Structure formats: structure tokens, C-alpha cells
Amino acid sequence: MAFWVYILQCADGKFYTGQTDDLERRMGEHQHGGFCDFTSRRRPVELVWSEYYQTRGDAIEVEKQLKSWSRAKKIGLINGDWKMVSHYSRPPHERPSTSLGTNGGGFGKADEGKAELP
């Protein structure tokens, strides 16, 4: 049996992270409302990322990890931008400065907005 971890992007741009053993059913629940208060108030929702795991324990562990991630790091994951994920994995004081835009090694606030999907 497969267990899914997923990220939804809500109509207001916020992300919702969850896990399920039936992704199609769960998406229907999110779209129709009533099951999850967070997404019920932010419909419609769009599935922007998902990955399956062999055990529920693995899925729950990944879900918890993703819920602790910053918005910018989730956008990197959604877009498959591993450089961005790596950048936001480092503590802020260890990231290249972007304030003057002189080193070209970082990401700015513009990168933290709505996920841009391929």
C-alpha cells in the first residue's frame, strides 16, 4: 500500500501539507470542503507536489519535516529547484547576502512569493 505526502496551494496562495493513503479521495475532500477547516476556507486548492512512501510512518515523518520548512524552501521543492532548497536549509546567518545583490549567490524576497510551477 502506498502512502502519499502532498502539498496543496490554496486560492489565497497559502500552502497546506498533508498525508493520506488515497490521494484522489483526499483531494476530493479538500475540494468539496467540510473535512479540513484550513482548506475549506481557501478553496479552490491545487495539488502542487506529491510523493509516495511505502509506510505510513515514513509519510508522517516527511509530512512533519515539510511542515517545519519555510515557504521559500517549499517553493524550491515544488519547483524542483534543489539549489533553492539547499539555500534555505542553511541558517540565515550562513546564507549568502542578497541585500546589495553584489554576490549573486542567494535568493531574494521575490523568490518567496507564490509558487511558480513549470
Protein backbone atom coordinates (compact mmCIF):
# COMPACT_ATOMS: atom_id res chain seq x y z
CA MET A 1 0.00 0.00 0.00
CA ALA A 2 1.26 3.47 -0.88
CA PHE A 3 1.06 6.47 1.40
CA TRP A 4 1.21 9.95 -0.07
CA VAL A 5 2.64 13.20 1.25
CA TYR A 6 1.32 16.20 -0.63
CA ILE A 7 1.36 19.99 -0.76
CA LEU A 8 -1.67 21.98 -1.88
CA GLN A 9 -1.65 25.61 -2.92
CA CYS A 10 -4.84 27.32 -1.78
CA ALA A 11 -6.68 30.11 -3.59
CA ASP A 12 -5.08 32.68 -1.25
CA GLY A 13 -1.58 31.37 -2.07
CA LYS A 14 -1.04 29.58 1.26
CA PHE A 15 0.29 26.02 1.32
CA TYR A 16 -1.30 23.04 3.06
CA THR A 17 0.80 19.93 3.69
CA GLY A 18 -0.77 16.57 4.46
CA GLN A 19 -0.51 12.80 4.05
CA THR A 20 -3.00 10.13 3.04
CA ASP A 21 -3.33 6.57 1.77
CA ASP A 22 -5.75 7.66 -1.01
CA LEU A 23 -4.64 10.84 -2.76
CA GLU A 24 -7.59 11.03 -5.17
CA ARG A 25 -10.16 10.70 -2.37
CA ARG A 26 -8.32 13.19 -0.19
CA MET A 27 -8.13 15.75 -2.99
CA GLY A 28 -11.90 15.45 -3.43
CA GLU A 29 -12.39 16.06 0.29
CA HIS A 30 -10.25 19.18 0.13
CA GLN A 31 -12.03 20.49 -2.98
CA HIS A 32 -15.54 19.94 -1.62
CA GLY A 33 -14.82 21.30 1.86
CA GLY A 34 -16.12 20.23 5.24
CA PHE A 35 -13.30 17.81 6.04
CA CYS A 36 -10.42 20.22 6.67
CA ASP A 37 -11.19 23.65 8.06
CA PHE A 38 -7.96 25.20 6.72
CA THR A 39 -8.60 24.29 3.08
CA SER A 40 -12.40 24.65 3.30
CA ARG A 41 -11.93 28.41 3.75
CA ARG A 42 -9.33 28.68 0.98
CA ARG A 43 -10.84 26.83 -1.98
CA PRO A 44 -10.19 26.01 -4.67
CA VAL A 45 -6.98 24.18 -3.93
CA GLU A 46 -4.40 22.86 -6.37
CA LEU A 47 -2.12 19.87 -5.87
CA VAL A 48 1.38 21.24 -6.49
CA TRP A 49 3.58 18.43 -5.14
CA SER A 50 3.20 14.81 -4.04
CA GLU A 51 5.39 11.82 -3.34
CA TYR A 52 4.56 8.29 -2.22
CA TYR A 53 6.09 6.22 0.55
CA GLN A 54 5.92 2.54 1.45
CA THR A 55 4.82 3.02 5.06
CA ARG A 56 2.53 5.42 6.88
CA GLY A 57 5.34 6.06 9.37
CA ASP A 58 7.63 7.29 6.58
CA ALA A 59 4.87 9.51 5.18
CA ILE A 60 4.12 11.01 8.60
CA GLU A 61 7.82 11.68 9.18
CA VAL A 62 8.17 13.50 5.84
CA GLU A 63 4.91 15.42 6.42
CA LYS A 64 6.22 16.68 9.78
CA GLN A 65 9.53 17.67 8.19
CA LEU A 66 7.83 19.61 5.38
CA LYS A 67 5.51 21.38 7.82
CA SER A 68 8.59 22.76 9.56
CA TRP A 69 10.01 24.17 6.30
CA SER A 70 9.78 27.82 5.32
CA ARG A 71 7.52 28.87 2.47
CA ALA A 72 10.58 29.63 0.32
CA LYS A 73 12.02 26.16 0.88
CA LYS A 74 8.67 24.55 -0.05
CA ILE A 75 8.61 26.60 -3.26
CA GLY A 76 12.06 25.23 -4.08
CA LEU A 77 10.79 21.67 -3.55
CA ILE A 78 7.65 22.28 -5.63
CA ASN A 79 9.71 23.71 -8.49
CA GLY A 80 12.41 21.04 -8.22
CA ASP A 81 14.95 23.78 -7.51
CA TRP A 82 17.43 21.92 -5.31
CA LYS A 83 19.76 24.93 -5.18
CA MET A 84 16.94 26.93 -3.56
CA VAL A 85 16.08 24.07 -1.16
CA SER A 86 19.76 23.86 -0.17
CA HIS A 87 20.00 27.63 0.27
CA TYR A 88 17.01 27.76 2.63
CA SER A 89 18.25 24.68 4.51
CA ARG A 90 21.10 26.74 5.93
CA PRO A 91 20.59 29.01 8.93
CA PRO A 92 20.02 32.64 7.83
CA HIS A 93 23.42 33.79 9.12
CA GLU A 94 25.15 31.21 6.88
CA ARG A 95 23.33 32.17 3.66
CA PRO A 96 24.96 34.44 1.07
CA SER A 97 23.82 38.03 1.49
CA THR A 98 21.32 39.32 -1.04
CA SER A 99 20.84 42.80 0.39
CA LEU A 100 23.08 44.53 -2.16
CA GLY A 101 22.75 41.96 -4.89
CA THR A 102 26.51 42.00 -5.34
CA ASN A 103 27.42 38.38 -4.80
CA GLY A 104 24.71 36.72 -6.90
CA GLY A 105 24.71 33.74 -4.58
CA GLY A 106 21.37 34.00 -2.86
CA PHE A 107 17.67 34.37 -3.32
CA GLY A 108 15.61 37.44 -2.58
CA LYS A 109 12.14 38.08 -1.21
CA ALA A 110 10.72 37.83 -4.73
CA ASP A 111 11.60 34.12 -4.66
CA GLU A 112 9.38 33.61 -1.61
CA GLY A 113 6.07 34.51 -3.28
CA LYS A 114 3.52 32.31 -5.00
CA ALA A 115 4.94 29.06 -6.32
CA GLU A 116 5.74 29.25 -9.99
CA LEU A 117 5.09 25.87 -11.48
CA PRO A 118 6.60 24.57 -14.71
